[in-house]
Amino acid sequence: MTENPAAPASIDVDHLCALAHFDFSAEEKEKFRADLSSIVGYVQKLSDLDLDGIAPTQYGQPVANALREDVPEPSIPRETALANAPDSSGDEYRMPKIVE
């Protein structure tokens, strides 16, 4: 990445590396600083855009609810549902105790 002149001049890479628990060499820190400066500079370009009259949106494309209508339908018989249960008690599944 090339250095962006609009990017901030000083990014505290040592502090960022400490926060992220990165152990970079001096050369890696300089590359990281240059990369971060380029990224921040690019993001700052967004402030140059004329966004008057554009409503904020979460999605770039129209989104429609793709869920089906919730209509009750008959279920399988209880005996069929319990047929393959490893353990049952009456009309219920028996589960091992998981909290002591």
C-alpha atoms as a PDB file:
ATOM      1  CA  MET A   1       0.000   0.000   0.000  1.00  0.00           C
ATOM      2  CA  THR A   2       1.180   3.484  -0.672  1.00  0.00           C
ATOM      3  CA  GLU A   3       1.222   6.252   1.880  1.00  0.00           C
ATOM      4  CA  ASN A   4      -1.849   8.476   1.634  1.00  0.00           C
ATOM      5  CA  PRO A   5      -1.159  12.181   2.196  1.00  0.00           C
ATOM      6  CA  ALA A   6      -4.609  12.668   3.749  1.00  0.00           C
ATOM      7  CA  ALA A   7      -3.884  10.056   6.435  1.00  0.00           C
ATOM      8  CA  PRO A   8      -2.973  11.080   9.970  1.00  0.00           C
ATOM      9  CA  ALA A   9       0.765  11.530  10.432  1.00  0.00           C
ATOM     10  CA  SER A  10       1.098   9.745  13.746  1.00  0.00           C
ATOM     11  CA  ILE A  11      -0.490   6.420  14.552  1.00  0.00           C
ATOM     12  CA  ASP A  12       0.733   4.978  17.838  1.00  0.00           C
ATOM     13  CA  VAL A  13       1.592   1.525  16.513  1.00  0.00           C
ATOM     14  CA  ASP A  14       3.323   0.529  19.752  1.00  0.00           C
ATOM     15  CA  HIS A  15       0.101   1.166  21.694  1.00  0.00           C
ATOM     16  CA  LEU A  16      -2.033  -0.702  19.113  1.00  0.00           C
ATOM     17  CA  CYS A  17       0.364  -3.656  19.146  1.00  0.00           C
ATOM     18  CA  ALA A  18       0.224  -3.756  22.942  1.00  0.00           C
ATOM     19  CA  LEU A  19      -3.589  -3.695  22.919  1.00  0.00           C
ATOM     20  CA  ALA A  20      -3.778  -6.456  20.300  1.00  0.00           C
ATOM     21  CA  HIS A  21      -0.914  -8.470  21.842  1.00  0.00           C
ATOM     22  CA  PHE A  22       1.062  -8.277  18.569  1.00  0.00           C
ATOM     23  CA  ASP A  23       4.798  -8.860  18.804  1.00  0.00           C
ATOM     24  CA  PHE A  24       6.121  -7.092  15.694  1.00  0.00           C
ATOM     25  CA  SER A  25       9.696  -6.344  14.750  1.00  0.00           C
ATOM     26  CA  ALA A  26      10.650  -2.715  14.003  1.00  0.00           C
ATOM     27  CA  GLU A  27      10.328  -3.356  10.243  1.00  0.00           C
ATOM     28  CA  GLU A  28       6.892  -4.962  10.665  1.00  0.00           C
ATOM     29  CA  LYS A  29       5.745  -2.027  12.801  1.00  0.00           C
ATOM     30  CA  GLU A  30       6.764   0.446  10.076  1.00  0.00           C
ATOM     31  CA  LYS A  31       4.859  -1.574   7.441  1.00  0.00           C
ATOM     32  CA  PHE A  32       1.879  -1.793   9.820  1.00  0.00           C
ATOM     33  CA  ARG A  33       2.032   1.994  10.376  1.00  0.00           C
ATOM     34  CA  ALA A  34       2.106   2.618   6.607  1.00  0.00           C
ATOM     35  CA  ASP A  35      -0.755   0.200   5.986  1.00  0.00           C
ATOM     36  CA  LEU A  36      -2.891   1.715   8.755  1.00  0.00           C
ATOM     37  CA  SER A  37      -2.173   5.245   7.522  1.00  0.00           C
ATOM     38  CA  SER A  38      -3.281   4.233   4.044  1.00  0.00           C
ATOM     39  CA  ILE A  39      -6.474   2.630   5.330  1.00  0.00           C
ATOM     40  CA  VAL A  40      -7.378   5.568   7.576  1.00  0.00           C
ATOM     41  CA  GLY A  41      -6.632   7.986   4.729  1.00  0.00           C
ATOM     42  CA  TYR A  42      -8.907   6.055   2.405  1.00  0.00           C
ATOM     43  CA  VAL A  43     -11.726   6.061   4.972  1.00  0.00           C
ATOM     44  CA  GLN A  44     -11.249   9.813   5.414  1.00  0.00           C
ATOM     45  CA  LYS A  45     -11.963  10.218   1.686  1.00  0.00           C
ATOM     46  CA  LEU A  46     -15.559   9.225   2.448  1.00  0.00           C
ATOM     47  CA  SER A  47     -16.056  12.608   4.093  1.00  0.00           C
ATOM     48  CA  ASP A  48     -15.553  14.194   0.649  1.00  0.00           C
ATOM     49  CA  LEU A  49     -18.688  12.517  -0.703  1.00  0.00           C
ATOM     50  CA  ASP A  50     -21.834  14.604  -1.125  1.00  0.00           C
ATOM     51  CA  LEU A  51     -24.480  12.588   0.718  1.00  0.00           C
ATOM     52  CA  ASP A  52     -27.188  15.252   0.895  1.00  0.00           C
ATOM     53  CA  GLY A  53     -30.568  13.752   0.119  1.00  0.00           C
ATOM     54  CA  ILE A  54     -29.382  10.163   0.562  1.00  0.00           C
ATOM     55  CA  ALA A  55     -31.184   8.377   3.363  1.00  0.00           C
ATOM     56  CA  PRO A  56     -29.120   6.180   5.671  1.00  0.00           C
ATOM     57  CA  THR A  57     -29.672   2.501   4.966  1.00  0.00           C
ATOM     58  CA  GLN A  58     -28.472  -0.783   6.348  1.00  0.00           C
ATOM     59  CA  TYR A  59     -28.710  -2.693   3.067  1.00  0.00           C
ATOM     60  CA  GLY A  60     -27.567  -1.760  -0.422  1.00  0.00           C
ATOM     61  CA  GLN A  61     -30.419  -3.672  -2.040  1.00  0.00           C
ATOM     62  CA  PRO A  62     -34.123  -3.815  -1.164  1.00  0.00           C
ATOM     63  CA  VAL A  63     -34.779  -6.548   1.393  1.00  0.00           C
ATOM     64  CA  ALA A  64     -38.083  -8.355   1.736  1.00  0.00           C
ATOM     65  CA  ASN A  65     -39.151 -10.728   4.468  1.00  0.00           C
ATOM     66  CA  ALA A  66     -38.661 -14.206   3.039  1.00  0.00           C
ATOM     67  CA  LEU A  67     -40.480 -16.060   5.820  1.00  0.00           C
ATOM     68  CA  ARG A  68     -43.555 -18.116   5.142  1.00  0.00           C
ATOM     69  CA  GLU A  69     -46.838 -17.490   6.899  1.00  0.00           C
ATOM     70  CA  ASP A  70     -47.033 -19.238  10.266  1.00  0.00           C
ATOM     71  CA  VAL A  71     -49.837 -21.754   9.775  1.00  0.00           C
ATOM     72  CA  PRO A  72     -50.363 -24.604  12.260  1.00  0.00           C
ATOM     73  CA  GLU A  73     -50.181 -28.023  10.628  1.00  0.00           C
ATOM     74  CA  PRO A  74     -50.659 -31.537  12.015  1.00  0.00           C
ATOM     75  CA  SER A  75     -47.570 -33.071  13.605  1.00  0.00           C
ATOM     76  CA  ILE A  76     -46.322 -36.648  13.755  1.00  0.00           C
ATOM     77  CA  PRO A  77     -47.864 -38.848  16.441  1.00  0.00           C
ATOM     78  CA  ARG A  78     -46.174 -38.717  19.859  1.00  0.00           C
ATOM     79  CA  GLU A  79     -45.418 -42.437  19.735  1.00  0.00           C
ATOM     80  CA  THR A  80     -43.527 -42.005  16.448  1.00  0.00           C
ATOM     81  CA  ALA A  81     -41.545 -39.092  17.862  1.00  0.00           C
ATOM     82  CA  LEU A  82     -40.558 -41.127  20.943  1.00  0.00           C
ATOM     83  CA  ALA A  83     -39.846 -44.356  19.005  1.00  0.00           C
ATOM     84  CA  ASN A  84     -36.122 -43.623  18.547  1.00  0.00           C
ATOM     85  CA  ALA A  85     -35.563 -41.859  21.859  1.00  0.00           C
ATOM     86  CA  PRO A  86     -32.757 -43.494  23.845  1.00  0.00           C
ATOM     87  CA  ASP A  87     -34.812 -43.045  27.028  1.00  0.00           C
ATOM     88  CA  SER A  88     -38.358 -41.871  27.652  1.00  0.00           C
ATOM     89  CA  SER A  89     -40.778 -41.618  30.510  1.00  0.00           C
ATOM     90  CA  GLY A  90     -44.432 -41.763  29.570  1.00  0.00           C
ATOM     91  CA  ASP A  91     -44.973 -39.146  26.866  1.00  0.00           C
ATOM     92  CA  GLU A  92     -41.652 -37.320  27.416  1.00  0.00           C
ATOM     93  CA  TYR A  93     -37.989 -37.627  26.521  1.00  0.00           C
ATOM     94  CA  ARG A  94     -35.677 -38.398  29.447  1.00  0.00           C
ATOM     95  CA  MET A  95     -32.446 -36.457  29.362  1.00  0.00           C
ATOM     96  CA  PRO A  96     -29.351 -36.921  31.501  1.00  0.00           C
ATOM     97  CA  LYS A  97     -28.806 -34.357  34.221  1.00  0.00           C
ATOM     98  CA  ILE A  98     -26.320 -31.771  32.957  1.00  0.00           C
ATOM     99  CA  VAL A  99     -26.129 -29.451  35.977  1.00  0.00           C
ATOM    100  CA  GLU A 100     -24.982 -30.849  39.286  1.00  0.00           C
END
